[in-house]
């Protein structure tokens, strides 16, 4: 079914925090295509102006350049907004280990500012990005809500704290919050550059440019790779979800488990490349295996991912071929 069948009132206003980023810009685009009014709040520290440039000519789109660490900015941005989709955060587990204070400021204080501003301005629903990293070192597969282990990175800790604030804001203030634990999202506009780039766009760029990719670890670590359109659906389903299930967090994945080395060879085959990868040391703070149990999101949000890995990666490869060449 996907997200295109989800309908809101015609004059609905959405605010996308971090709307110039990978996930945020895709949310902005989808909502504009569906005919709604969209505000994008982003300081462009990790988001890219080029991601939202095509939307600037649309009269239903407003770009607010601002930092979620500034409460007044958040208050102004959330005025008159029906739904907040809070994606603004600093990602990357390894980078969080190097910069824990920045992650605390942006991911915790910034999200709290957005939550409080939403409460003050009477926002209907506050949907925010959490992460599969909150499962920490638990070896249990598939990952199921309520079976978390000890977090093993500052990034994971920030998301865990966000979820606790989400619970409290529902219980104490009645703000309907929904935490979405994303599992390895991929797709169009995901940045292939930099030492903290996600593996799929990074591998694609290197292979397309004749370089030899490096896999951190032995390649047998597993992930639940989730196409971007599934994440768009999850955000919109959360906006329509019952108030009775607010204050909780939900796994958002495709429900599959794929090994990194298999992903690598899949990309090689799709691009007609025969390149053996290099292998480097494992990354500090990385969870070894990840696979989402999405039954709670199916039952309580109506989440029904339209894209499995095969369907999603075909679309992603086509996009990167055009974007990178």
C-alpha atoms as a PDB file:
ATOM      1  CA  UNK A   1       0.000   0.000   0.000  1.00  0.00           C
ATOM      2  CA  UNK A   2       2.749   2.475   0.898  1.00  0.00           C
ATOM      3  CA  UNK A   3       2.272   6.060   2.014  1.00  0.00           C
ATOM      4  CA  UNK A   4       0.353   7.558  -0.916  1.00  0.00           C
ATOM      5  CA  UNK A   5      -2.985   6.312   0.374  1.00  0.00           C
ATOM      6  CA  UNK A   6      -2.590   8.138   3.710  1.00  0.00           C
ATOM      7  CA  UNK A   7      -4.692  11.287   3.698  1.00  0.00           C
ATOM      8  CA  UNK A   8      -4.887  14.402   5.869  1.00  0.00           C
ATOM      9  CA  UNK A   9      -6.992  17.563   5.756  1.00  0.00           C
ATOM     10  CA  UNK A  10      -6.151  19.680   2.725  1.00  0.00           C
ATOM     11  CA  UNK A  11      -4.807  22.619   4.772  1.00  0.00           C
ATOM     12  CA  UNK A  12      -2.585  20.453   7.022  1.00  0.00           C
ATOM     13  CA  UNK A  13       0.798  21.978   7.923  1.00  0.00           C
ATOM     14  CA  UNK A  14       3.856  19.799   8.549  1.00  0.00           C
ATOM     15  CA  UNK A  15       7.177  20.845  10.045  1.00  0.00           C
ATOM     16  CA  UNK A  16      10.137  18.644   9.129  1.00  0.00           C
ATOM     17  CA  UNK A  17      13.050  19.151  11.511  1.00  0.00           C
ATOM     18  CA  UNK A  18      16.261  18.425   9.631  1.00  0.00           C
ATOM     19  CA  UNK A  19      14.342  18.752   6.378  1.00  0.00           C
ATOM     20  CA  UNK A  20      17.462  19.302   4.267  1.00  0.00           C
ATOM     21  CA  UNK A  21      18.956  15.964   5.276  1.00  0.00           C
ATOM     22  CA  UNK A  22      18.603  12.574   3.616  1.00  0.00           C
ATOM     23  CA  UNK A  23      15.414  11.389   5.342  1.00  0.00           C
ATOM     24  CA  UNK A  24      14.057  14.896   5.953  1.00  0.00           C
ATOM     25  CA  UNK A  25      14.256  16.028   2.324  1.00  0.00           C
ATOM     26  CA  UNK A  26      12.495  12.869   1.183  1.00  0.00           C
ATOM     27  CA  UNK A  27       9.719  13.564   3.669  1.00  0.00           C
ATOM     28  CA  UNK A  28       9.431  17.167   2.427  1.00  0.00           C
ATOM     29  CA  UNK A  29       9.222  15.993  -1.177  1.00  0.00           C
ATOM     30  CA  UNK A  30       6.591  13.330  -0.452  1.00  0.00           C
ATOM     31  CA  UNK A  31       4.376  15.733   1.519  1.00  0.00           C
ATOM     32  CA  UNK A  32       4.618  18.437  -1.146  1.00  0.00           C
ATOM     33  CA  UNK A  33       3.756  15.888  -3.837  1.00  0.00           C
ATOM     34  CA  UNK A  34       0.685  14.948  -1.781  1.00  0.00           C
ATOM     35  CA  UNK A  35      -0.437  18.580  -1.718  1.00  0.00           C
ATOM     36  CA  UNK A  36       0.321  19.621   1.864  1.00  0.00           C
ATOM     37  CA  UNK A  37       2.063  22.671   3.317  1.00  0.00           C
ATOM     38  CA  UNK A  38       5.590  21.974   4.502  1.00  0.00           C
ATOM     39  CA  UNK A  39       8.067  23.895   6.634  1.00  0.00           C
ATOM     40  CA  UNK A  40      11.670  22.758   6.733  1.00  0.00           C
ATOM     41  CA  UNK A  41      13.857  23.676   9.718  1.00  0.00           C
ATOM     42  CA  UNK A  42      17.556  22.990   9.199  1.00  0.00           C
ATOM     43  CA  UNK A  43      20.854  24.677  10.068  1.00  0.00           C
ATOM     44  CA  UNK A  44      22.602  22.927   7.132  1.00  0.00           C
ATOM     45  CA  UNK A  45      25.307  21.512   9.420  1.00  0.00           C
ATOM     46  CA  UNK A  46      24.751  18.036   7.998  1.00  0.00           C
ATOM     47  CA  UNK A  47      21.792  18.696   5.667  1.00  0.00           C
ATOM     48  CA  UNK A  48      22.386  20.046   2.177  1.00  0.00           C
ATOM     49  CA  UNK A  49      20.805  23.081   0.539  1.00  0.00           C
ATOM     50  CA  UNK A  50      20.810  21.216  -2.800  1.00  0.00           C
ATOM     51  CA  UNK A  51      18.423  18.638  -1.286  1.00  0.00           C
ATOM     52  CA  UNK A  52      15.678  21.249  -0.842  1.00  0.00           C
ATOM     53  CA  UNK A  53      16.536  23.652  -3.653  1.00  0.00           C
ATOM     54  CA  UNK A  54      13.981  22.072  -6.031  1.00  0.00           C
ATOM     55  CA  UNK A  55      11.187  22.787  -3.513  1.00  0.00           C
ATOM     56  CA  UNK A  56      11.876  26.510  -3.036  1.00  0.00           C
ATOM     57  CA  UNK A  57       9.704  27.499  -6.004  1.00  0.00           C
ATOM     58  CA  UNK A  58       6.682  25.784  -4.420  1.00  0.00           C
ATOM     59  CA  UNK A  59       4.453  28.265  -2.562  1.00  0.00           C
ATOM     60  CA  UNK A  60       3.516  25.557  -0.030  1.00  0.00           C
ATOM     61  CA  UNK A  61       7.166  25.148   1.035  1.00  0.00           C
ATOM     62  CA  UNK A  62       9.060  27.321   3.533  1.00  0.00           C
ATOM     63  CA  UNK A  63      12.705  26.921   4.466  1.00  0.00           C
ATOM     64  CA  UNK A  64      13.736  28.167   7.915  1.00  0.00           C
ATOM     65  CA  UNK A  65      17.476  28.194   8.432  1.00  0.00           C
ATOM     66  CA  UNK A  66      17.834  27.653  12.154  1.00  0.00           C
ATOM     67  CA  UNK A  67      19.362  25.545  14.909  1.00  0.00           C
ATOM     68  CA  UNK A  68      17.205  23.272  17.094  1.00  0.00           C
ATOM     69  CA  UNK A  69      19.517  24.097  20.012  1.00  0.00           C
ATOM     70  CA  UNK A  70      17.847  27.528  20.056  1.00  0.00           C
ATOM     71  CA  UNK A  71      14.463  27.240  21.767  1.00  0.00           C
ATOM     72  CA  UNK A  72      13.065  30.487  20.338  1.00  0.00           C
ATOM     73  CA  UNK A  73      13.774  29.206  16.823  1.00  0.00           C
ATOM     74  CA  UNK A  74      11.892  25.989  17.611  1.00  0.00           C
ATOM     75  CA  UNK A  75       8.969  27.917  19.083  1.00  0.00           C
ATOM     76  CA  UNK A  76       8.676  30.136  16.018  1.00  0.00           C
ATOM     77  CA  UNK A  77       8.967  27.192  13.611  1.00  0.00           C
ATOM     78  CA  UNK A  78       6.222  25.159  15.324  1.00  0.00           C
ATOM     79  CA  UNK A  79       3.596  27.939  15.408  1.00  0.00           C
ATOM     80  CA  UNK A  80       0.483  26.908  13.496  1.00  0.00           C
ATOM     81  CA  UNK A  81       1.888  23.444  12.750  1.00  0.00           C
ATOM     82  CA  UNK A  82      -0.282  20.313  12.880  1.00  0.00           C
ATOM     83  CA  UNK A  83       2.407  17.622  12.747  1.00  0.00           C
ATOM     84  CA  UNK A  84       6.117  17.725  13.550  1.00  0.00           C
ATOM     85  CA  UNK A  85       8.390  15.138  11.932  1.00  0.00           C
ATOM     86  CA  UNK A  86      11.616  15.583  13.905  1.00  0.00           C
ATOM     87  CA  UNK A  87      14.550  14.155  11.936  1.00  0.00           C
ATOM     88  CA  UNK A  88      17.114  16.783  12.948  1.00  0.00           C
ATOM     89  CA  UNK A  89      20.062  15.096  14.645  1.00  0.00           C
ATOM     90  CA  UNK A  90      23.706  14.293  14.194  1.00  0.00           C
ATOM     91  CA  UNK A  91      24.135  10.715  12.985  1.00  0.00           C
ATOM     92  CA  UNK A  92      27.092   8.284  12.941  1.00  0.00           C
ATOM     93  CA  UNK A  93      28.128   6.077  15.834  1.00  0.00           C
ATOM     94  CA  UNK A  94      31.914   6.539  15.325  1.00  0.00           C
ATOM     95  CA  UNK A  95      31.616  10.330  15.142  1.00  0.00           C
ATOM     96  CA  UNK A  96      29.578  10.378  18.367  1.00  0.00           C
ATOM     97  CA  UNK A  97      32.423   8.595  20.146  1.00  0.00           C
ATOM     98  CA  UNK A  98      34.727  11.422  19.073  1.00  0.00           C
ATOM     99  CA  UNK A  99      32.255  14.255  19.823  1.00  0.00           C
ATOM    100  CA  UNK A 100      29.974  13.214  22.723  1.00  0.00           C
ATOM    101  CA  UNK A 101      29.250  16.755  23.922  1.00  0.00           C
ATOM    102  CA  UNK A 102      28.001  17.913  20.530  1.00  0.00           C
ATOM    103  CA  UNK A 103      25.714  14.876  20.310  1.00  0.00           C
ATOM    104  CA  UNK A 104      24.317  15.670  23.737  1.00  0.00           C
ATOM    105  CA  UNK A 105      23.593  19.267  22.693  1.00  0.00           C
ATOM    106  CA  UNK A 106      21.992  18.528  19.332  1.00  0.00           C
ATOM    107  CA  UNK A 107      20.329  15.139  19.722  1.00  0.00           C
ATOM    108  CA  UNK A 108      19.063  15.499  23.278  1.00  0.00           C
ATOM    109  CA  UNK A 109      18.705  19.219  23.997  1.00  0.00           C
ATOM    110  CA  UNK A 110      17.644  19.982  20.428  1.00  0.00           C
ATOM    111  CA  UNK A 111      14.970  17.281  20.394  1.00  0.00           C
ATOM    112  CA  UNK A 112      13.753  18.382  23.832  1.00  0.00           C
ATOM    113  CA  UNK A 113      13.474  21.960  22.524  1.00  0.00           C
ATOM    114  CA  UNK A 114      11.370  20.718  19.603  1.00  0.00           C
ATOM    115  CA  UNK A 115       9.158  18.658  21.904  1.00  0.00           C
ATOM    116  CA  UNK A 116       8.599  21.551  24.314  1.00  0.00           C
ATOM    117  CA  UNK A 117       7.920  23.993  21.464  1.00  0.00           C
ATOM    118  CA  UNK A 118       5.398  21.530  20.042  1.00  0.00           C
ATOM    119  CA  UNK A 119       3.688  21.257  23.409  1.00  0.00           C
ATOM    120  CA  UNK A 120       3.555  25.044  23.852  1.00  0.00           C
ATOM    121  CA  UNK A 121       2.112  25.533  20.361  1.00  0.00           C
ATOM    122  CA  UNK A 122      -0.471  22.752  20.538  1.00  0.00           C
ATOM    123  CA  UNK A 123       0.983  20.467  17.852  1.00  0.00           C
ATOM    124  CA  UNK A 124      -1.245  17.405  17.287  1.00  0.00           C
ATOM    125  CA  UNK A 125       1.481  14.770  16.928  1.00  0.00           C
ATOM    126  CA  UNK A 126       5.238  14.784  17.446  1.00  0.00           C
ATOM    127  CA  UNK A 127       6.981  12.044  15.470  1.00  0.00           C
ATOM    128  CA  UNK A 128      10.720  11.728  15.985  1.00  0.00           C
ATOM    129  CA  UNK A 129      13.636   9.675  14.693  1.00  0.00           C
ATOM    130  CA  UNK A 130      15.067   7.155  17.094  1.00  0.00           C
ATOM    131  CA  UNK A 131      17.455   4.379  16.100  1.00  0.00           C
ATOM    132  CA  UNK A 132      18.057   0.629  16.212  1.00  0.00           C
ATOM    133  CA  UNK A 133      21.260   1.516  18.083  1.00  0.00           C
ATOM    134  CA  UNK A 134      19.212   1.733  21.313  1.00  0.00           C
ATOM    135  CA  UNK A 135      19.311  -2.091  21.391  1.00  0.00           C
ATOM    136  CA  UNK A 136      22.993  -1.850  22.254  1.00  0.00           C
ATOM    137  CA  UNK A 137      24.811  -5.060  23.044  1.00  0.00           C
ATOM    138  CA  UNK A 138      21.856  -7.422  23.309  1.00  0.00           C
ATOM    139  CA  UNK A 139      22.552 -10.474  21.084  1.00  0.00           C
ATOM    140  CA  UNK A 140      18.856 -11.343  20.707  1.00  0.00           C
ATOM    141  CA  UNK A 141      17.500 -11.441  17.136  1.00  0.00           C
ATOM    142  CA  UNK A 142      15.181 -10.200  15.865  1.00  0.00           C
ATOM    143  CA  UNK A 143      15.288  -6.958  17.878  1.00  0.00           C
ATOM    144  CA  UNK A 144      12.032  -6.468  19.743  1.00  0.00           C
ATOM    145  CA  UNK A 145      10.813  -3.436  21.689  1.00  0.00           C
ATOM    146  CA  UNK A 146      11.284  -4.010  25.429  1.00  0.00           C
ATOM    147  CA  UNK A 147      14.351  -6.240  24.983  1.00  0.00           C
ATOM    148  CA  UNK A 148      17.077  -3.581  24.888  1.00  0.00           C
ATOM    149  CA  UNK A 149      20.625  -4.143  26.143  1.00  0.00           C
ATOM    150  CA  UNK A 150      23.286  -1.655  27.236  1.00  0.00           C
ATOM    151  CA  UNK A 151      23.926   1.115  24.723  1.00  0.00           C
ATOM    152  CA  UNK A 152      27.503   1.154  23.419  1.00  0.00           C
ATOM    153  CA  UNK A 153      27.873   4.640  21.918  1.00  0.00           C
ATOM    154  CA  UNK A 154      26.986   8.251  22.794  1.00  0.00           C
ATOM    155  CA  UNK A 155      24.764   8.346  19.684  1.00  0.00           C
ATOM    156  CA  UNK A 156      22.725   5.394  20.960  1.00  0.00           C
ATOM    157  CA  UNK A 157      22.445   7.003  24.376  1.00  0.00           C
ATOM    158  CA  UNK A 158      21.067  10.233  22.896  1.00  0.00           C
ATOM    159  CA  UNK A 159      18.326   8.274  21.133  1.00  0.00           C
ATOM    160  CA  UNK A 160      17.512   6.342  24.295  1.00  0.00           C
ATOM    161  CA  UNK A 161      17.135   9.628  26.213  1.00  0.00           C
ATOM    162  CA  UNK A 162      14.930  11.048  23.415  1.00  0.00           C
ATOM    163  CA  UNK A 163      12.625   8.044  23.828  1.00  0.00           C
ATOM    164  CA  UNK A 164      12.381   8.638  27.573  1.00  0.00           C
ATOM    165  CA  UNK A 165      11.483  12.287  26.960  1.00  0.00           C
ATOM    166  CA  UNK A 166       8.910  11.135  24.424  1.00  0.00           C
ATOM    167  CA  UNK A 167       7.323   8.895  27.062  1.00  0.00           C
ATOM    168  CA  UNK A 168       7.353  11.651  29.667  1.00  0.00           C
ATOM    169  CA  UNK A 169       5.867  14.258  27.339  1.00  0.00           C
ATOM    170  CA  UNK A 170       2.927  11.958  26.710  1.00  0.00           C
ATOM    171  CA  UNK A 171       2.478  10.999  30.372  1.00  0.00           C
ATOM    172  CA  UNK A 172       3.068  14.436  31.933  1.00  0.00           C
ATOM    173  CA  UNK A 173       1.856  16.879  29.281  1.00  0.00           C
ATOM    174  CA  UNK A 174      -0.405  14.886  26.960  1.00  0.00           C
ATOM    175  CA  UNK A 175       1.705  15.501  23.846  1.00  0.00           C
ATOM    176  CA  UNK A 176       1.277  12.574  21.457  1.00  0.00           C
ATOM    177  CA  UNK A 177       4.826  11.450  20.682  1.00  0.00           C
ATOM    178  CA  UNK A 178       5.934   8.521  18.527  1.00  0.00           C
ATOM    179  CA  UNK A 179       9.544   7.316  18.375  1.00  0.00           C
ATOM    180  CA  UNK A 180      10.602   5.550  15.182  1.00  0.00           C
ATOM    181  CA  UNK A 181      13.592   3.252  15.592  1.00  0.00           C
ATOM    182  CA  UNK A 182      15.069   3.302  12.105  1.00  0.00           C
ATOM    183  CA  UNK A 183      17.055   0.281  10.924  1.00  0.00           C
ATOM    184  CA  UNK A 184      19.756   1.180   8.351  1.00  0.00           C
ATOM    185  CA  UNK A 185      17.785   3.379   5.990  1.00  0.00           C
ATOM    186  CA  UNK A 186      19.051   3.742   2.412  1.00  0.00           C
ATOM    187  CA  UNK A 187      17.918   5.386  -0.821  1.00  0.00           C
ATOM    188  CA  UNK A 188      18.034   8.526  -2.935  1.00  0.00           C
ATOM    189  CA  UNK A 189      19.927  11.546  -1.552  1.00  0.00           C
ATOM    190  CA  UNK A 190      21.856   9.596   1.073  1.00  0.00           C
ATOM    191  CA  UNK A 191      25.310  11.184   1.171  1.00  0.00           C
ATOM    192  CA  UNK A 192      28.055   8.936  -0.278  1.00  0.00           C
ATOM    193  CA  UNK A 193      30.898  11.214   0.830  1.00  0.00           C
ATOM    194  CA  UNK A 194      33.005  11.514   3.956  1.00  0.00           C
ATOM    195  CA  UNK A 195      34.480   9.100   6.453  1.00  0.00           C
ATOM    196  CA  UNK A 196      31.107   8.693   8.200  1.00  0.00           C
ATOM    197  CA  UNK A 197      29.070   7.899   5.076  1.00  0.00           C
ATOM    198  CA  UNK A 198      26.654   4.958   5.180  1.00  0.00           C
ATOM    199  CA  UNK A 199      27.878   1.805   3.470  1.00  0.00           C
ATOM    200  CA  UNK A 200      25.485   1.473   0.527  1.00  0.00           C
ATOM    201  CA  UNK A 201      26.031   4.936  -1.025  1.00  0.00           C
ATOM    202  CA  UNK A 202      29.726   4.773  -0.159  1.00  0.00           C
ATOM    203  CA  UNK A 203      30.216   1.389  -1.859  1.00  0.00           C
ATOM    204  CA  UNK A 204      28.173   2.513  -4.878  1.00  0.00           C
ATOM    205  CA  UNK A 205      30.233   5.653  -5.373  1.00  0.00           C
ATOM    206  CA  UNK A 206      33.548   3.822  -5.015  1.00  0.00           C
ATOM    207  CA  UNK A 207      32.540   1.039  -7.401  1.00  0.00           C
ATOM    208  CA  UNK A 208      31.180   3.494  -9.979  1.00  0.00           C
ATOM    209  CA  UNK A 209      34.428   5.485  -9.789  1.00  0.00           C
ATOM    210  CA  UNK A 210      36.700   2.459 -10.126  1.00  0.00           C
ATOM    211  CA  UNK A 211      37.865   2.453  -6.499  1.00  0.00           C
ATOM    212  CA  UNK A 212      38.223  -0.536  -4.170  1.00  0.00           C
ATOM    213  CA  UNK A 213      35.843  -0.284  -1.180  1.00  0.00           C
ATOM    214  CA  UNK A 214      36.893  -1.219   2.348  1.00  0.00           C
ATOM    215  CA  UNK A 215      34.603  -3.266   4.567  1.00  0.00           C
ATOM    216  CA  UNK A 216      35.094  -2.668   8.288  1.00  0.00           C
ATOM    217  CA  UNK A 217      35.296  -6.032  10.019  1.00  0.00           C
ATOM    218  CA  UNK A 218      34.859  -9.437   8.401  1.00  0.00           C
ATOM    219  CA  UNK A 219      31.723  -8.560   6.400  1.00  0.00           C
ATOM    220  CA  UNK A 220      29.605 -11.073   8.304  1.00  0.00           C
ATOM    221  CA  UNK A 221      27.878  -8.388  10.353  1.00  0.00           C
ATOM    222  CA  UNK A 222      24.188  -8.256   9.464  1.00  0.00           C
ATOM    223  CA  UNK A 223      21.747  -5.397   9.003  1.00  0.00           C
ATOM    224  CA  UNK A 224      18.064  -4.782   8.320  1.00  0.00           C
ATOM    225  CA  UNK A 225      18.381  -2.453   5.327  1.00  0.00           C
ATOM    226  CA  UNK A 226      15.257  -0.352   4.912  1.00  0.00           C
ATOM    227  CA  UNK A 227      14.338   1.646   1.813  1.00  0.00           C
ATOM    228  CA  UNK A 228      13.531   5.333   2.305  1.00  0.00           C
ATOM    229  CA  UNK A 229       9.901   5.077   1.145  1.00  0.00           C
ATOM    230  CA  UNK A 230       9.169   2.657   4.006  1.00  0.00           C
ATOM    231  CA  UNK A 231      10.388   5.334   6.425  1.00  0.00           C
ATOM    232  CA  UNK A 232       8.161   7.964   4.793  1.00  0.00           C
ATOM    233  CA  UNK A 233       5.229   5.611   5.284  1.00  0.00           C
ATOM    234  CA  UNK A 234       6.123   5.040   8.945  1.00  0.00           C
ATOM    235  CA  UNK A 235       6.195   8.781   9.675  1.00  0.00           C
ATOM    236  CA  UNK A 236       2.805   9.366   8.087  1.00  0.00           C
ATOM    237  CA  UNK A 237       1.260   6.311   9.737  1.00  0.00           C
ATOM    238  CA  UNK A 238       2.459   7.639  13.101  1.00  0.00           C
ATOM    239  CA  UNK A 239       0.717  10.958  12.374  1.00  0.00           C
ATOM    240  CA  UNK A 240      -2.539   9.033  11.944  1.00  0.00           C
ATOM    241  CA  UNK A 241      -1.989   6.654  14.872  1.00  0.00           C
ATOM    242  CA  UNK A 242      -4.213   6.440  17.924  1.00  0.00           C
ATOM    243  CA  UNK A 243      -3.429   8.705  20.849  1.00  0.00           C
ATOM    244  CA  UNK A 244      -3.613   5.574  23.012  1.00  0.00           C
ATOM    245  CA  UNK A 245      -0.322   4.235  21.596  1.00  0.00           C
ATOM    246  CA  UNK A 246       1.545   7.558  21.910  1.00  0.00           C
ATOM    247  CA  UNK A 247       4.598   7.809  24.154  1.00  0.00           C
ATOM    248  CA  UNK A 248       6.073   4.621  22.742  1.00  0.00           C
ATOM    249  CA  UNK A 249       8.867   3.661  20.323  1.00  0.00           C
ATOM    250  CA  UNK A 250       8.463   1.407  17.306  1.00  0.00           C
ATOM    251  CA  UNK A 251      10.883  -0.585  15.152  1.00  0.00           C
ATOM    252  CA  UNK A 252      10.900   0.666  11.569  1.00  0.00           C
ATOM    253  CA  UNK A 253      12.674  -1.776   9.293  1.00  0.00           C
ATOM    254  CA  UNK A 254      11.895  -4.156   6.465  1.00  0.00           C
ATOM    255  CA  UNK A 255      12.057  -7.185   8.738  1.00  0.00           C
ATOM    256  CA  UNK A 256      14.988  -8.761   6.877  1.00  0.00           C
ATOM    257  CA  UNK A 257      18.558  -9.689   7.751  1.00  0.00           C
ATOM    258  CA  UNK A 258      21.367  -9.251   5.237  1.00  0.00           C
ATOM    259  CA  UNK A 259      25.109  -9.719   5.624  1.00  0.00           C
ATOM    260  CA  UNK A 260      27.348  -6.846   4.605  1.00  0.00           C
ATOM    261  CA  UNK A 261      29.550  -8.988   2.368  1.00  0.00           C
ATOM    262  CA  UNK A 262      26.459 -10.245   0.506  1.00  0.00           C
ATOM    263  CA  UNK A 263      25.270  -6.661   0.020  1.00  0.00           C
ATOM    264  CA  UNK A 264      28.688  -5.778  -1.387  1.00  0.00           C
ATOM    265  CA  UNK A 265      28.627  -8.599  -3.963  1.00  0.00           C
ATOM    266  CA  UNK A 266      25.023  -7.746  -4.851  1.00  0.00           C
ATOM    267  CA  UNK A 267      26.103  -4.176  -5.681  1.00  0.00           C
ATOM    268  CA  UNK A 268      29.092  -5.461  -7.697  1.00  0.00           C
ATOM    269  CA  UNK A 269      26.832  -7.734  -9.733  1.00  0.00           C
ATOM    270  CA  UNK A 270      24.260  -4.981 -10.325  1.00  0.00           C
ATOM    271  CA  UNK A 271      26.985  -2.634 -11.588  1.00  0.00           C
ATOM    272  CA  UNK A 272      28.817  -5.283 -13.623  1.00  0.00           C
ATOM    273  CA  UNK A 273      31.950  -4.983 -11.470  1.00  0.00           C
ATOM    274  CA  UNK A 274      34.335  -7.719 -10.371  1.00  0.00           C
ATOM    275  CA  UNK A 275      36.226  -6.106  -7.504  1.00  0.00           C
ATOM    276  CA  UNK A 276      37.288  -7.876  -4.316  1.00  0.00           C
ATOM    277  CA  UNK A 277      36.956  -5.535  -1.313  1.00  0.00           C
ATOM    278  CA  UNK A 278      39.598  -4.597   1.222  1.00  0.00           C
ATOM    279  CA  UNK A 279      38.914  -5.428   4.856  1.00  0.00           C
ATOM    280  CA  UNK A 280      39.627  -3.014   7.706  1.00  0.00           C
ATOM    281  CA  UNK A 281      39.255  -3.124  11.503  1.00  0.00           C
ATOM    282  CA  UNK A 282      35.719  -3.201  12.969  1.00  0.00           C
ATOM    283  CA  UNK A 283      34.273   0.202  13.860  1.00  0.00           C
ATOM    284  CA  UNK A 284      34.066   1.055  17.545  1.00  0.00           C
ATOM    285  CA  UNK A 285      30.527   1.167  18.921  1.00  0.00           C
ATOM    286  CA  UNK A 286      28.962  -0.713  16.005  1.00  0.00           C
ATOM    287  CA  UNK A 287      26.325  -3.320  16.789  1.00  0.00           C
ATOM    288  CA  UNK A 288      27.309  -6.663  15.231  1.00  0.00           C
ATOM    289  CA  UNK A 289      23.884  -7.871  14.103  1.00  0.00           C
ATOM    290  CA  UNK A 290      20.612  -6.094  13.495  1.00  0.00           C
ATOM    291  CA  UNK A 291      17.217  -7.353  12.390  1.00  0.00           C
ATOM    292  CA  UNK A 292      13.874  -5.725  13.220  1.00  0.00           C
ATOM    293  CA  UNK A 293      10.766  -7.362  14.568  1.00  0.00           C
ATOM    294  CA  UNK A 294       8.209  -4.951  13.067  1.00  0.00           C
ATOM    295  CA  UNK A 295       5.084  -6.623  14.439  1.00  0.00           C
ATOM    296  CA  UNK A 296       4.412  -3.825  16.966  1.00  0.00           C
ATOM    297  CA  UNK A 297       4.544  -1.111  14.269  1.00  0.00           C
ATOM    298  CA  UNK A 298       2.322  -3.257  12.021  1.00  0.00           C
ATOM    299  CA  UNK A 299      -0.252  -3.740  14.752  1.00  0.00           C
ATOM    300  CA  UNK A 300      -0.303  -0.308  16.406  1.00  0.00           C
ATOM    301  CA  UNK A 301       0.652   2.048  13.553  1.00  0.00           C
ATOM    302  CA  UNK A 302      -0.627   0.101  10.561  1.00  0.00           C
ATOM    303  CA  UNK A 303       2.918   0.111   9.143  1.00  0.00           C
ATOM    304  CA  UNK A 304       3.187  -2.224   6.167  1.00  0.00           C
ATOM    305  CA  UNK A 305       6.505  -1.726   4.325  1.00  0.00           C
ATOM    306  CA  UNK A 306       5.976  -1.699   0.582  1.00  0.00           C
ATOM    307  CA  UNK A 307       9.648  -2.108  -0.352  1.00  0.00           C
ATOM    308  CA  UNK A 308      11.775  -5.159   0.351  1.00  0.00           C
ATOM    309  CA  UNK A 309      15.539  -4.908  -0.128  1.00  0.00           C
ATOM    310  CA  UNK A 310      15.535  -6.091  -3.754  1.00  0.00           C
ATOM    311  CA  UNK A 311      12.939  -3.558  -4.849  1.00  0.00           C
ATOM    312  CA  UNK A 312      14.556  -0.720  -2.886  1.00  0.00           C
ATOM    313  CA  UNK A 313      18.155  -1.363  -3.916  1.00  0.00           C
ATOM    314  CA  UNK A 314      17.208  -1.471  -7.604  1.00  0.00           C
ATOM    315  CA  UNK A 315      15.693   2.018  -7.296  1.00  0.00           C
ATOM    316  CA  UNK A 316      18.650   3.280  -5.240  1.00  0.00           C
ATOM    317  CA  UNK A 317      21.225   1.978  -7.754  1.00  0.00           C
ATOM    318  CA  UNK A 318      19.366   3.653 -10.628  1.00  0.00           C
ATOM    319  CA  UNK A 319      19.333   6.959  -8.728  1.00  0.00           C
ATOM    320  CA  UNK A 320      23.034   6.862  -7.851  1.00  0.00           C
ATOM    321  CA  UNK A 321      24.033   5.927 -11.396  1.00  0.00           C
ATOM    322  CA  UNK A 322      22.414   9.151 -12.565  1.00  0.00           C
ATOM    323  CA  UNK A 323      23.570  11.239  -9.584  1.00  0.00           C
ATOM    324  CA  UNK A 324      27.193  10.109  -9.515  1.00  0.00           C
ATOM    325  CA  UNK A 325      28.016   9.985 -13.225  1.00  0.00           C
END
